[in-house]
Amino acid sequence: MNNSRKNIVIQYIITIFASLAVIYPLFVYLKTAEWALDSTFILTLFPIFGLIAFSILWLHSLSGVFETWLRKYINFDRYVHITASIVLICIISHPLLYIIAAKFSISTIFYGQALYIWLGIIGWLLLITYDIGKSLKNRNFFARNWTNILFLSNIGFIIIFFHSIYIGDDLQVNPLRMIWIFYGITAIISIAYTYVIKRFLLRSRSS
């Protein structure tokens, strides 16, 4: 197999893997979801945006580990731009639909699960720092602190993992629960490698 064909095959494998990582959790959820055009519709709809956002963010965490390799086979910057835009839409839609379903009632939103709702809010605020930083990246402060912004958004993702695994009704049963635990553990390992171990190794080599 020549290099050109090999690259095409690897590109297809990467695309299929990334697509399945997002589509499979959605498929599992949609297979058991009960749809009705009544007051329960929004409650059935809003988890979809959370599933999509989390799955893509999991891919982003893995991408940090394999970035150098991935750049050989895909347009990495375009991939990040497109998927980050999808994540932004989802992380706005997910809580917004839940708030609408709760009829903007604070007591309803926090009822019985205040700790995990607060985790969601903190995680959301850290995640959104990425989009704020990206839009202001031409400013000196954000350019200098871009790596720190990326790290904060990844911490937000980890917090969202604990928020979702405890509060998501659809994540309390298998196979989605096991998928989420796998995503969460591998993401934590990937983020630790990208922002701690990898930096330590680079500093060791340069010293």
Foldseek 3Di string as FASTA:
>chain_A
DDPVVVLVVVLVVVVVVLVCLQVVLVCVLVVPQDDDPDLCNLVSVLVSLVSNLLSLVLVVLLCLVCVVVVVVRDVVVVSCVVSLVSNVVSLVRNVVSVCVSQVVDPCSQCPPPVPLVVLLVLLSVLLCLLVVLVVVCVDPVSVVCVVVSVLSNLVSSLSVLVSCCPPPPSLPDPDNVVSSVVSNVVSVVSSCCSPPVVVVVVVVVVD
